[in-house]
Amino acid sequence: MLIVLKLLGSIALLIYGMKVMSEALQKMAGPQLRHLLGAMTTNRFSGVATGALVTVAVQSSAATTVMTVSFVNAALLTLAQAISVIMGANIGTTMSAWIMSAGFSFNVISLVWPAFLIGIILIQTGKQRYLGDFLFGLSFLLFALGMLKETGIEMDLASKPAVVDFFASFKTNYGTILLFLLIGSVLTAMVQSSAALMAITMVLCSTGAITIFQGIALVMGENIGTTVTANLAALSANVQARRTAMAHLVFNLFGVFWVLIFFFPFVRFICGLVGLDPEAELQSPTQLSFALAAFHTGFKVINTSSLIWFIPQSEKLVCWIVKPKDSEQEDESRLMYIRGGIMKTPEISVLQAQKEISVFGIRMQRMLGMVRDLSNIKEDKAFQELFDRIKKYEDISDNMENEIGKYLGQVADAHLSDDTKLKIRCMLRQIGELESIGDSCFNLARILQRKRENKIHFGDFQWHGILQIHELVDAAMTRMNAMLEGHKEDFGIEESAALELKINNQRNTLKQQSMTDVDNKVYSYDNGTVYMDLVNEYEKVGDYVLNVVEARLGVGRGV
């Protein structure tokens, strides 16, 4: 019982160590990781290289794949680019197998203690905190590998007649290979870690419990089971993201298919490369672990080399398999980029939220355009229909502020860098100001409704003044949305501040003219009150727009 608990505990520690390592490396990389994926995917070969490098860096193909699905969901990568990145990720993930095989070949526990010591010093002093986290994760990983090796020796499964007889009952034929492939797929999907199953496979092979043929069949199954992570993450994403996840599954299924056709010759070829006789009764645990790692790498490299020429065809296939849902026509009431299941690291999460804020800004400008259209409607029915739609948009703005705010709150619970904390504070301010724009736009619609109900008619000069201030506010919102969607480093505050000053001056000019016109009996006091309510509300929208711009640039109050 103690040995079983040590085995399970070692696997849990292995998974945790890889998770800590992966997250620490992603935090150290920060925005550079995102820019790397975006900038180095100009063609299929650079996309494969990028996917491999990022996966080697973060030591998790699942993290790279989910990141890629997230970027497709956020329209930062095309489906073709994403497929090439995933191909590269499948090569990069083989590094984990080589690390494990090295752990099975010599005693790695002696390396753990200095890594723990240096890691805790870096974490406690606050200097290079993420490097300290990485060393901690690495220490857990190495310690887990050492414990797995020791546990495998203690288990000594080869000397247990019941175990030997059980596995010996499986003949070395295609039926057994398919069974172990299925077992590997199911277990990996359940554990959500191909690294953990690879470690178990190495333990079983090195102790003589299973043959190298059965072990390689488990490894093949792990490659299918690991695709479940990305497909689960993409369930609530848009159609392109779901297609990206499906491409990962199709890619690995194709690889398993061709390996099954040439299974026994291919396995013997791989074993020959590491000097292992697959049919021998006594085999070196080190050679067995290296054979598994070599198969994993050879399988992935050949698969990628074969399919890299057929990325356009792969794209067409997954588009045919994954059709858009009927409900996926643009639904203005739902978020586009923040959908449960994809949030993995703070950097990706902040990116997702910023994309959603960009959509928020576009919807608020669309709402302002509806207000202009409302002022031109003559028929009561058409007026009421558009007024109701503006009210719906006000509800949408409330919902978007609430949902994005909750999402950012979840991100803020993670271990964040100071830069990411500042980004989140700025983004929370942005959504608050955007919601205020929605409130003001609805207030403008209510003022127009009051004007209609009280049968107040504006003269040409009044309409001209309102049109002028509306155009200024609309220009300010256009500038704001360009800033929300683009890189903030490309923008300055000057142009937005100048537009806000023009809005204020226009409001003051119209206010002074209105007071004169009321005094001169050009129109009634009630008329002038409604008129100035509209002008003042437009000026408030201009203030909120400038506040959003300041928050985006990280200047002004609260920053």
Protein backbone atom coordinates (compact mmCIF):
# COMPACT_ATOMS: atom_id res chain seq x y z
CA MET A 1 0.00 0.00 0.00
CA LEU A 2 2.88 2.34 0.85
CA ILE A 3 4.51 1.70 -2.52
CA VAL A 4 1.24 2.48 -4.34
CA LEU A 5 0.88 5.73 -2.37
CA LYS A 6 4.50 6.64 -3.19
CA LEU A 7 3.80 5.98 -6.86
CA LEU A 8 0.64 8.11 -6.90
CA GLY A 9 2.29 10.84 -4.83
CA SER A 10 5.30 10.94 -7.15
CA ILE A 11 3.02 11.29 -10.19
CA ALA A 12 1.06 14.08 -8.47
CA LEU A 13 4.34 15.84 -7.63
CA LEU A 14 5.51 15.41 -11.22
CA ILE A 15 2.33 17.04 -12.59
CA TYR A 16 2.56 19.86 -10.05
CA GLY A 17 6.25 20.46 -10.79
CA MET A 18 5.61 20.73 -14.54
CA LYS A 19 2.67 23.06 -13.89
CA VAL A 20 4.76 25.37 -11.67
CA MET A 21 7.63 25.33 -14.20
CA SER A 22 5.30 26.10 -17.09
CA GLU A 23 3.53 28.97 -15.32
CA ALA A 24 6.81 30.49 -14.11
CA LEU A 25 8.32 30.40 -17.60
CA GLN A 26 5.19 31.94 -19.11
CA LYS A 27 5.27 34.73 -16.52
CA MET A 28 8.96 35.37 -17.21
CA ALA A 29 8.28 35.49 -20.94
CA GLY A 30 5.28 37.78 -20.44
CA PRO A 31 4.12 39.69 -23.51
CA GLN A 32 7.15 38.44 -25.47
CA LEU A 33 5.56 34.98 -25.62
CA ARG A 34 2.44 36.46 -27.19
CA HIS A 35 4.44 38.56 -29.65
CA LEU A 36 6.59 35.55 -30.53
CA LEU A 37 3.55 33.50 -31.52
CA GLY A 38 2.16 36.38 -33.54
CA ALA A 39 5.37 37.49 -35.25
CA MET A 40 7.01 34.15 -36.06
CA THR A 41 4.12 32.44 -37.80
CA THR A 42 4.48 34.13 -41.19
CA ASN A 43 4.82 30.76 -42.96
CA ARG A 44 4.28 27.10 -42.12
CA PHE A 45 7.94 26.41 -41.31
CA SER A 46 8.38 29.36 -38.97
CA GLY A 47 5.05 28.41 -37.37
CA VAL A 48 6.31 24.88 -36.66
CA ALA A 49 9.60 26.25 -35.29
CA THR A 50 7.72 28.72 -33.09
CA GLY A 51 5.41 26.06 -31.69
CA ALA A 52 8.37 23.80 -30.92
CA LEU A 53 10.41 26.56 -29.25
CA VAL A 54 7.52 27.83 -27.12
CA THR A 55 6.65 24.29 -26.00
CA VAL A 56 10.25 23.53 -25.09
CA ALA A 57 10.33 26.82 -23.18
CA VAL A 58 7.13 26.26 -21.19
CA GLN A 59 7.51 22.46 -21.04
CA SER A 60 3.85 21.88 -21.85
CA SER A 61 2.29 21.17 -25.22
CA ALA A 62 -1.12 21.55 -23.56
CA ALA A 63 -0.21 25.12 -22.51
CA THR A 64 1.00 25.98 -26.03
CA THR A 65 -2.05 24.39 -27.66
CA VAL A 66 -4.53 26.11 -25.32
CA MET A 67 -2.61 29.37 -25.85
CA THR A 68 -2.92 28.90 -29.61
CA VAL A 69 -6.65 28.16 -29.32
CA SER A 70 -6.98 31.34 -27.25
CA PHE A 71 -5.18 33.42 -29.88
CA VAL A 72 -7.38 32.04 -32.65
CA ASN A 73 -10.40 32.81 -30.47
CA ALA A 74 -9.08 36.36 -30.11
CA ALA A 75 -8.45 36.61 -33.89
CA LEU A 76 -4.69 37.03 -33.37
CA LEU A 77 -3.80 33.91 -35.37
CA THR A 78 -5.42 32.43 -38.45
CA LEU A 79 -6.45 28.78 -38.50
CA ALA A 80 -3.59 27.92 -40.91
CA GLN A 81 -1.03 29.62 -38.64
CA ALA A 82 -2.45 27.82 -35.62
CA ILE A 83 -2.18 24.41 -37.29
CA SER A 84 1.53 24.95 -37.96
CA VAL A 85 2.10 26.08 -34.35
CA ILE A 86 0.35 22.95 -33.04
CA MET A 87 2.53 20.76 -35.28
CA GLY A 88 5.57 22.40 -33.71
CA ALA A 89 4.14 21.99 -30.22
CA ASN A 90 3.89 18.26 -30.82
CA ILE A 91 7.63 18.16 -31.53
CA GLY A 92 8.50 20.42 -28.60
CA THR A 93 6.64 18.24 -26.12
CA THR A 94 9.03 15.34 -26.79
CA MET A 95 11.62 17.20 -24.70
CA SER A 96 9.68 16.16 -21.59
CA ALA A 97 10.14 12.49 -22.49
CA TRP A 98 13.91 12.97 -22.85
CA ILE A 99 14.07 14.73 -19.46
CA MET A 100 12.22 11.79 -17.90
CA SER A 101 14.42 9.21 -19.61
CA ALA A 102 17.46 11.06 -18.25
CA GLY A 103 15.85 10.90 -14.81
CA PHE A 104 15.58 7.14 -15.15
CA SER A 105 19.22 6.80 -16.23
CA PHE A 106 20.94 8.43 -13.21
CA ASN A 107 20.15 9.67 -9.72
CA VAL A 108 18.69 13.16 -10.15
CA ILE A 109 17.62 13.67 -6.53
CA SER A 110 21.08 15.00 -5.65
CA LEU A 111 20.35 17.98 -7.93
CA VAL A 112 17.13 18.83 -6.11
CA TRP A 113 18.44 20.25 -2.86
CA PRO A 114 20.59 23.11 -4.25
CA ALA A 115 17.75 24.01 -6.63
CA PHE A 116 15.32 24.16 -3.71
CA LEU A 117 17.75 26.34 -1.72
CA ILE A 118 18.38 28.83 -4.54
CA GLY A 119 14.68 28.90 -5.43
CA ILE A 120 13.50 29.75 -1.90
CA ILE A 121 16.14 32.49 -1.60
CA LEU A 122 14.99 34.10 -4.86
CA ILE A 123 11.32 33.87 -3.86
CA GLN A 124 11.82 35.24 -0.34
CA THR A 125 14.06 38.15 -1.41
CA GLY A 126 11.61 39.08 -4.19
CA LYS A 127 14.42 39.32 -6.74
CA GLN A 128 13.93 37.13 -9.80
CA ARG A 129 10.79 35.71 -8.15
CA TYR A 130 9.68 33.88 -11.28
CA LEU A 131 13.11 32.28 -11.66
CA GLY A 132 12.68 31.06 -8.09
CA ASP A 133 9.27 29.63 -8.97
CA PHE A 134 10.82 27.91 -11.97
CA LEU A 135 13.57 26.34 -9.84
CA PHE A 136 10.96 25.16 -7.34
CA GLY A 137 8.95 23.54 -10.13
CA LEU A 138 12.11 21.98 -11.57
CA SER A 139 13.03 20.66 -8.13
CA PHE A 140 9.63 19.03 -7.70
CA LEU A 141 9.92 17.54 -11.18
CA LEU A 142 13.39 16.05 -10.55
CA PHE A 143 12.42 14.83 -7.10
CA ALA A 144 9.31 13.15 -8.54
CA LEU A 145 11.40 11.45 -11.25
CA GLY A 146 13.85 10.19 -8.66
CA MET A 147 11.02 8.87 -6.50
CA LEU A 148 9.40 7.20 -9.51
CA LYS A 149 12.65 5.45 -10.32
CA GLU A 150 13.07 4.25 -6.70
CA THR A 151 9.42 3.22 -6.50
CA GLY A 152 9.75 1.23 -9.71
CA ILE A 153 12.73 -0.63 -8.24
CA GLU A 154 10.83 -1.29 -5.00
CA MET A 155 7.80 -2.54 -6.92
CA ASP A 156 9.98 -5.06 -8.77
CA LEU A 157 6.99 -6.04 -10.86
CA ALA A 158 9.04 -8.49 -12.93
CA SER A 159 9.34 -10.74 -9.87
CA LYS A 160 5.58 -10.75 -9.19
CA PRO A 161 4.13 -13.84 -10.89
CA ALA A 162 0.58 -12.46 -10.89
CA VAL A 163 1.67 -9.26 -12.64
CA VAL A 164 3.92 -11.08 -15.09
CA ASP A 165 1.20 -13.60 -15.93
CA PHE A 166 -1.38 -10.83 -16.38
CA PHE A 167 0.68 -8.87 -18.89
CA ALA A 168 2.00 -12.05 -20.51
CA SER A 169 -1.59 -12.99 -21.30
CA PHE A 170 -1.56 -10.17 -23.85
CA LYS A 171 -0.01 -11.52 -27.01
CA THR A 172 2.24 -9.22 -29.03
CA ASN A 173 -0.23 -8.62 -31.87
CA TYR A 174 -2.32 -5.80 -33.28
CA GLY A 175 -5.22 -6.58 -30.94
CA THR A 176 -3.03 -5.97 -27.88
CA ILE A 177 -1.50 -2.87 -29.44
CA LEU A 178 -4.96 -1.40 -30.08
CA LEU A 179 -6.07 -2.24 -26.52
CA PHE A 180 -3.05 -0.52 -24.94
CA LEU A 181 -3.50 2.42 -27.31
CA LEU A 182 -7.07 2.78 -26.06
CA ILE A 183 -5.97 2.49 -22.43
CA GLY A 184 -3.33 5.19 -22.95
CA SER A 185 -5.88 7.50 -24.59
CA VAL A 186 -8.46 7.10 -21.82
CA LEU A 187 -6.01 7.45 -18.93
CA THR A 188 -4.37 10.56 -20.44
CA ALA A 189 -7.77 12.15 -21.04
CA MET A 190 -8.70 11.45 -17.42
CA VAL A 191 -5.43 12.62 -15.86
CA GLN A 192 -5.08 15.57 -18.31
CA SER A 193 -1.32 15.06 -18.38
CA SER A 194 0.56 13.07 -21.03
CA ALA A 195 3.76 13.63 -18.99
CA ALA A 196 2.30 11.70 -16.05
CA LEU A 197 1.32 8.77 -18.29
CA MET A 198 4.73 8.83 -19.95
CA ALA A 199 6.33 8.53 -16.50
CA ILE A 200 4.06 5.60 -15.60
CA THR A 201 4.87 3.94 -18.92
CA MET A 202 8.61 4.27 -18.25
CA VAL A 203 8.15 2.75 -14.78
CA LEU A 204 6.17 -0.20 -16.18
CA CYS A 205 8.70 -0.80 -18.98
CA SER A 206 11.79 -0.40 -16.80
CA THR A 207 10.45 -2.86 -14.22
CA GLY A 208 9.67 -5.44 -16.89
CA ALA A 209 5.92 -5.38 -16.31
CA ILE A 210 5.16 -4.60 -19.94
CA THR A 211 7.07 -5.04 -23.16
CA ILE A 212 8.46 -2.16 -25.20
CA PHE A 213 5.74 -2.82 -27.80
CA GLN A 214 2.99 -2.36 -25.18
CA GLY A 215 4.76 0.70 -23.77
CA ILE A 216 4.94 2.35 -27.19
CA ALA A 217 1.25 1.58 -27.73
CA LEU A 218 0.52 3.45 -24.47
CA VAL A 219 2.64 6.38 -25.73
CA MET A 220 0.60 6.47 -28.94
CA GLY A 221 -2.59 6.54 -26.90
CA GLU A 222 -1.21 9.37 -24.79
CA ASN A 223 -0.86 11.45 -27.96
CA ILE A 224 -4.57 11.05 -28.64
CA GLY A 225 -5.65 11.59 -25.03
CA THR A 226 -3.65 14.82 -24.70
CA THR A 227 -5.76 16.47 -27.43
CA VAL A 228 -8.75 16.34 -25.08
CA THR A 229 -7.35 19.32 -23.11
CA ALA A 230 -7.49 21.72 -26.06
CA ASN A 231 -10.87 20.41 -27.25
CA LEU A 232 -12.37 20.91 -23.78
CA ALA A 233 -10.89 24.44 -23.65
CA ALA A 234 -12.42 25.23 -27.05
CA LEU A 235 -15.94 23.95 -26.30
CA SER A 236 -17.20 27.42 -25.43
CA ALA A 237 -14.95 29.27 -27.89
CA ASN A 238 -15.78 30.45 -31.39
CA VAL A 239 -15.84 28.19 -34.42
CA GLN A 240 -12.25 28.94 -35.51
CA ALA A 241 -10.92 28.05 -32.07
CA ARG A 242 -12.88 24.78 -32.10
CA ARG A 243 -11.42 24.01 -35.52
CA THR A 244 -7.92 24.65 -34.16
CA ALA A 245 -8.47 22.16 -31.36
CA MET A 246 -9.91 19.65 -33.84
CA ALA A 247 -6.81 20.09 -36.04
CA HIS A 248 -4.72 18.96 -33.07
CA LEU A 249 -6.81 15.78 -32.79
CA VAL A 250 -6.75 15.10 -36.56
CA PHE A 251 -2.97 15.60 -36.66
CA ASN A 252 -2.34 13.06 -33.91
CA LEU A 253 -4.91 10.58 -35.26
CA PHE A 254 -3.16 10.63 -38.63
CA GLY A 255 0.17 9.95 -36.93
CA VAL A 256 -1.22 7.02 -34.97
CA PHE A 257 -2.82 5.64 -38.14
CA TRP A 258 0.40 5.48 -40.18
CA VAL A 259 2.43 4.16 -37.23
CA LEU A 260 -0.08 1.31 -36.77
CA ILE A 261 0.41 0.31 -40.41
CA PHE A 262 4.20 0.03 -39.96
CA PHE A 263 4.13 -0.60 -36.21
CA PHE A 264 6.48 -3.55 -35.66
CA PRO A 265 9.13 -2.59 -38.26
CA PHE A 266 9.09 1.02 -37.03
CA VAL A 267 9.45 0.03 -33.36
CA ARG A 268 12.34 -2.32 -34.20
CA PHE A 269 14.01 0.49 -36.17
CA ILE A 270 13.70 2.93 -33.21
CA CYS A 271 14.96 0.30 -30.75
CA GLY A 272 17.92 -0.34 -33.04
CA LEU A 273 18.86 3.34 -32.86
CA VAL A 274 19.29 3.13 -29.05
CA GLY A 275 20.89 -0.33 -29.14
CA LEU A 276 17.91 -2.19 -27.69
CA ASP A 277 16.72 -5.65 -28.70
CA PRO A 278 12.90 -5.48 -28.29
CA GLU A 279 12.58 -9.29 -28.07
CA ALA A 280 15.35 -9.83 -25.49
CA GLU A 281 14.32 -11.14 -22.06
CA LEU A 282 16.76 -9.00 -20.06
CA GLN A 283 16.73 -5.34 -21.04
CA SER A 284 18.38 -2.23 -19.64
CA PRO A 285 15.91 0.15 -17.92
CA THR A 286 17.94 3.06 -19.30
CA GLN A 287 17.71 1.78 -22.87
CA LEU A 288 13.98 1.13 -22.45
CA SER A 289 13.34 4.71 -21.30
CA PHE A 290 15.49 6.10 -24.14
CA ALA A 291 13.64 3.90 -26.65
CA LEU A 292 10.30 5.35 -25.50
CA ALA A 293 11.66 8.92 -25.80
CA ALA A 294 13.21 8.17 -29.22
CA PHE A 295 9.93 6.71 -30.49
CA HIS A 296 8.04 9.76 -29.21
CA THR A 297 10.39 12.13 -31.04
CA GLY A 298 10.61 10.08 -34.25
CA PHE A 299 6.84 9.67 -34.40
CA LYS A 300 6.25 13.43 -34.02
CA VAL A 301 9.02 14.56 -36.38
CA ILE A 302 7.97 12.21 -39.20
CA ASN A 303 4.31 13.09 -38.70
CA THR A 304 5.04 16.82 -38.91
CA SER A 305 7.38 16.39 -41.89
CA SER A 306 4.60 14.56 -43.72
CA LEU A 307 1.71 16.89 -42.92
CA ILE A 308 3.45 20.26 -43.12
CA TRP A 309 2.91 20.23 -46.90
CA PHE A 310 -0.83 19.71 -46.48
CA ILE A 311 -1.79 22.53 -44.09
CA PRO A 312 -4.33 24.07 -46.56
CA GLN A 313 -5.94 20.66 -47.00
CA SER A 314 -5.93 20.11 -43.22
CA GLU A 315 -7.63 23.48 -42.82
CA LYS A 316 -10.37 22.49 -45.28
CA LEU A 317 -10.86 19.16 -43.51
CA VAL A 318 -11.36 20.64 -40.04
CA CYS A 319 -13.64 23.32 -41.50
CA TRP A 320 -15.74 20.51 -42.97
CA ILE A 321 -15.75 18.58 -39.67
CA VAL A 322 -16.53 21.56 -37.40
CA LYS A 323 -19.46 23.59 -38.71
CA PRO A 324 -20.59 26.91 -37.16
CA LYS A 325 -23.47 26.59 -34.74
CA ASP A 326 -26.78 28.19 -35.69
CA SER A 327 -26.48 30.36 -32.60
CA GLU A 328 -23.05 31.63 -33.65
CA GLN A 329 -24.35 34.47 -35.68
CA GLU A 330 -23.27 37.58 -33.79
CA ASP A 331 -25.19 37.77 -30.55
CA GLU A 332 -24.78 41.26 -29.18
CA SER A 333 -25.66 40.15 -25.66
CA ARG A 334 -22.75 37.69 -25.25
CA LEU A 335 -19.03 38.12 -24.86
CA MET A 336 -16.96 37.23 -27.91
CA TYR A 337 -13.55 36.37 -26.50
CA ILE A 338 -14.06 35.61 -22.81
CA ARG A 339 -15.75 32.25 -22.66
CA GLY A 340 -15.15 29.78 -19.86
CA GLY A 341 -12.49 27.11 -20.03
CA ILE A 342 -9.74 28.99 -21.85
CA MET A 343 -8.18 31.05 -19.08
CA LYS A 344 -4.80 29.44 -18.41
CA THR A 345 -2.21 32.14 -17.65
CA PRO A 346 -2.54 35.79 -16.60
CA GLU A 347 -0.87 36.99 -19.83
CA ILE A 348 -3.39 35.22 -22.06
CA SER A 349 -6.25 36.22 -19.77
CA VAL A 350 -5.32 39.90 -19.89
CA LEU A 351 -5.10 39.69 -23.67
CA GLN A 352 -8.56 38.08 -23.86
CA ALA A 353 -10.02 40.78 -21.62
CA GLN A 354 -8.45 43.60 -23.66
CA LYS A 355 -9.94 42.15 -26.85
CA GLU A 356 -13.33 42.07 -25.13
CA ILE A 357 -12.92 45.68 -24.00
CA SER A 358 -12.24 46.60 -27.63
CA VAL A 359 -15.58 45.01 -28.57
CA PHE A 360 -17.19 46.90 -25.67
CA GLY A 361 -15.95 50.20 -27.11
CA ILE A 362 -17.21 49.38 -30.62
CA ARG A 363 -20.66 48.53 -29.26
CA MET A 364 -20.81 51.80 -27.34
CA GLN A 365 -19.97 53.76 -30.50
CA ARG A 366 -22.67 51.80 -32.32
CA MET A 367 -25.06 52.80 -29.53
CA LEU A 368 -24.13 56.47 -30.02
CA GLY A 369 -24.92 56.09 -33.73
CA MET A 370 -28.37 54.76 -32.81
CA VAL A 371 -28.98 57.93 -30.79
CA ARG A 372 -28.27 60.03 -33.88
CA ASP A 373 -30.64 57.86 -35.92
CA LEU A 374 -33.28 58.17 -33.20
CA SER A 375 -33.28 61.94 -33.50
CA ASN A 376 -34.19 61.67 -37.20
CA ILE A 377 -37.14 59.26 -36.89
CA LYS A 378 -40.63 60.62 -37.50
CA GLU A 379 -42.87 57.54 -37.07
CA ASP A 380 -43.85 56.55 -33.52
CA LYS A 381 -43.48 52.79 -34.07
CA ALA A 382 -40.01 53.05 -35.60
CA PHE A 383 -38.98 55.47 -32.82
CA GLN A 384 -40.11 53.04 -30.11
CA GLU A 385 -38.37 50.07 -31.76
CA LEU A 386 -35.04 51.90 -31.95
CA PHE A 387 -35.49 53.27 -28.41
CA ASP A 388 -36.01 49.70 -27.15
CA ARG A 389 -32.85 48.61 -28.96
CA ILE A 390 -30.88 51.41 -27.31
CA LYS A 391 -32.28 50.25 -23.95
CA LYS A 392 -31.09 46.72 -24.80
CA TYR A 393 -27.61 48.09 -25.50
CA GLU A 394 -27.63 49.80 -22.10
CA ASP A 395 -28.36 46.40 -20.55
CA ILE A 396 -25.56 44.91 -22.67
CA SER A 397 -23.12 47.53 -21.36
CA ASP A 398 -24.07 46.67 -17.76
CA ASN A 399 -23.61 42.96 -18.49
CA MET A 400 -20.25 43.45 -20.22
CA GLU A 401 -18.90 45.52 -17.34
CA ASN A 402 -20.05 42.86 -14.88
CA GLU A 403 -18.72 39.85 -16.84
CA ILE A 404 -15.35 41.40 -17.77
CA GLY A 405 -14.96 42.67 -14.21
CA LYS A 406 -15.60 39.19 -12.78
CA TYR A 407 -13.16 37.67 -15.23
CA LEU A 408 -10.45 40.17 -14.32
CA GLY A 409 -11.19 39.46 -10.66
CA GLN A 410 -10.42 35.78 -11.28
CA VAL A 411 -7.19 36.72 -13.04
CA ALA A 412 -6.23 39.00 -10.14
CA ASP A 413 -6.40 36.02 -7.78
CA ALA A 414 -3.37 34.51 -9.53
CA HIS A 415 0.28 35.19 -8.72
CA LEU A 416 0.80 38.32 -10.86
CA SER A 417 3.66 40.58 -11.77
CA ASP A 418 3.43 44.26 -10.88
CA ASP A 419 3.02 45.09 -14.58
CA THR A 420 0.06 42.74 -14.94
CA LYS A 421 -1.55 44.11 -11.76
CA LEU A 422 -1.30 47.63 -13.22
CA LYS A 423 -2.84 46.41 -16.50
CA ILE A 424 -5.79 44.92 -14.63
CA ARG A 425 -6.38 48.13 -12.64
CA CYS A 426 -6.36 50.12 -15.87
CA MET A 427 -8.73 47.68 -17.55
CA LEU A 428 -11.17 47.79 -14.65
CA ARG A 429 -11.23 51.56 -15.02
CA GLN A 430 -11.77 51.25 -18.78
CA ILE A 431 -14.86 49.05 -18.41
CA GLY A 432 -16.29 51.35 -15.73
CA GLU A 433 -15.98 54.37 -18.01
CA LEU A 434 -17.36 52.45 -21.02
CA GLU A 435 -20.40 51.47 -18.96
CA SER A 436 -20.86 55.16 -18.11
CA ILE A 437 -20.82 55.92 -21.85
CA GLY A 438 -23.65 53.40 -22.24
CA ASP A 439 -25.61 55.12 -19.46
CA SER A 440 -25.14 58.52 -21.08
CA CYS A 441 -26.18 57.24 -24.50
CA PHE A 442 -29.36 55.87 -22.96
CA ASN A 443 -29.89 59.20 -21.20
CA LEU A 444 -29.63 60.91 -24.61
CA ALA A 445 -32.33 58.55 -25.93
CA ARG A 446 -34.56 59.33 -22.93
CA ILE A 447 -34.13 63.06 -23.49
CA LEU A 448 -35.16 62.60 -27.14
CA GLN A 449 -38.15 60.58 -25.95
CA ARG A 450 -39.12 63.40 -23.54
CA LYS A 451 -38.75 65.89 -26.38
CA ARG A 452 -41.10 63.81 -28.53
CA GLU A 453 -43.67 63.30 -25.78
CA ASN A 454 -43.75 67.04 -24.99
CA LYS A 455 -43.98 67.87 -28.72
CA ILE A 456 -40.91 70.09 -28.60
CA HIS A 457 -39.47 71.00 -32.00
CA PHE A 458 -35.93 72.21 -32.60
CA GLY A 459 -34.97 74.79 -35.14
CA ASP A 460 -32.32 74.25 -37.81
CA PHE A 461 -29.69 76.06 -35.75
CA GLN A 462 -30.29 73.75 -32.77
CA TRP A 463 -30.10 70.62 -34.89
CA HIS A 464 -26.92 71.92 -36.48
CA GLY A 465 -25.34 72.48 -33.04
CA ILE A 466 -26.30 68.98 -31.86
CA LEU A 467 -24.93 67.45 -35.07
CA GLN A 468 -21.63 69.27 -34.58
CA ILE A 469 -21.14 68.09 -31.00
CA HIS A 470 -22.25 64.59 -31.99
CA GLU A 471 -19.61 64.43 -34.72
CA LEU A 472 -16.93 65.59 -32.29
CA VAL A 473 -17.92 62.92 -29.75
CA ASP A 474 -18.06 60.29 -32.49
CA ALA A 475 -14.55 61.27 -33.66
CA ALA A 476 -13.30 60.99 -30.07
CA MET A 477 -14.84 57.50 -29.81
CA THR A 478 -13.26 56.46 -33.11
CA ARG A 479 -9.88 57.49 -31.73
CA MET A 480 -10.64 55.69 -28.45
CA ASN A 481 -11.55 52.45 -30.24
CA ALA A 482 -8.43 52.55 -32.39
CA MET A 483 -6.46 52.82 -29.16
CA LEU A 484 -8.34 49.97 -27.47
CA GLU A 485 -7.78 47.70 -30.45
CA GLY A 486 -4.17 48.61 -31.26
CA HIS A 487 -0.91 48.80 -29.37
CA LYS A 488 -1.12 51.61 -26.85
CA GLU A 489 2.55 52.45 -27.49
CA ASP A 490 1.49 53.75 -30.94
CA PHE A 491 -0.81 56.40 -29.45
CA GLY A 492 -0.58 59.53 -27.35
CA ILE A 493 -3.06 61.47 -25.23
CA GLU A 494 -2.71 64.73 -27.18
CA GLU A 495 -5.24 64.13 -29.98
CA SER A 496 -7.90 62.77 -27.63
CA ALA A 497 -7.37 65.67 -25.22
CA ALA A 498 -7.68 68.14 -28.10
CA LEU A 499 -10.99 66.55 -29.20
CA GLU A 500 -12.32 66.70 -25.64
CA LEU A 501 -11.39 70.38 -25.45
CA LYS A 502 -13.28 71.00 -28.72
CA ILE A 503 -16.32 69.23 -27.24
CA ASN A 504 -16.16 71.43 -24.14
CA ASN A 505 -15.82 74.58 -26.25
CA GLN A 506 -18.73 73.51 -28.44
CA ARG A 507 -20.86 72.91 -25.33
CA ASN A 508 -19.98 76.36 -23.95
CA THR A 509 -20.72 78.03 -27.29
CA LEU A 510 -24.10 76.29 -27.64
CA LYS A 511 -24.98 77.06 -24.01
CA GLN A 512 -24.26 80.75 -24.43
CA GLN A 513 -26.22 80.88 -27.69
CA SER A 514 -29.17 79.04 -26.11
CA MET A 515 -29.35 81.48 -23.20
CA THR A 516 -29.41 84.37 -25.70
CA ASP A 517 -32.10 82.69 -27.84
CA VAL A 518 -34.35 82.02 -24.83
CA ASP A 519 -33.97 85.62 -23.68
CA ASN A 520 -34.85 86.82 -27.20
CA LYS A 521 -37.91 84.51 -27.31
CA VAL A 522 -36.50 82.59 -30.29
CA TYR A 523 -37.78 79.43 -28.59
CA SER A 524 -39.34 78.60 -25.22
CA TYR A 525 -37.60 77.90 -21.94
CA ASP A 526 -38.76 74.23 -22.07
CA ASN A 527 -37.31 73.94 -25.55
CA GLY A 528 -33.99 75.40 -24.37
CA THR A 529 -33.90 73.07 -21.34
CA VAL A 530 -34.28 69.91 -23.45
CA TYR A 531 -31.77 71.27 -25.95
CA MET A 532 -29.12 71.92 -23.29
CA ASP A 533 -29.81 68.58 -21.59
CA LEU A 534 -28.81 66.92 -24.87
CA VAL A 535 -25.72 69.10 -25.28
CA ASN A 536 -24.59 68.52 -21.66
CA GLU A 537 -25.08 64.78 -21.96
CA TYR A 538 -22.98 64.71 -25.13
CA GLU A 539 -20.28 66.59 -23.25
CA LYS A 540 -20.40 63.94 -20.49
CA VAL A 541 -19.84 61.23 -23.10
CA GLY A 542 -16.75 63.15 -24.23
CA ASP A 543 -15.44 63.17 -20.64
CA TYR A 544 -15.96 59.42 -20.28
CA VAL A 545 -14.22 58.80 -23.61
CA LEU A 546 -11.15 60.73 -22.46
CA ASN A 547 -11.18 58.75 -19.19
CA VAL A 548 -11.12 55.48 -21.18
CA VAL A 549 -8.17 56.79 -23.21
CA GLU A 550 -6.29 57.78 -20.06
CA ALA A 551 -6.92 54.36 -18.52
CA ARG A 552 -5.74 52.61 -21.69
CA LEU A 553 -2.52 54.65 -21.73
CA GLY A 554 -2.02 54.22 -17.98
CA VAL A 555 -2.19 57.93 -17.16
CA GLY A 556 -4.56 60.07 -15.13
CA ARG A 557 -6.36 59.25 -11.91
CA GLY A 558 -6.21 55.81 -10.35
CA VAL A 559 -2.99 54.86 -12.15
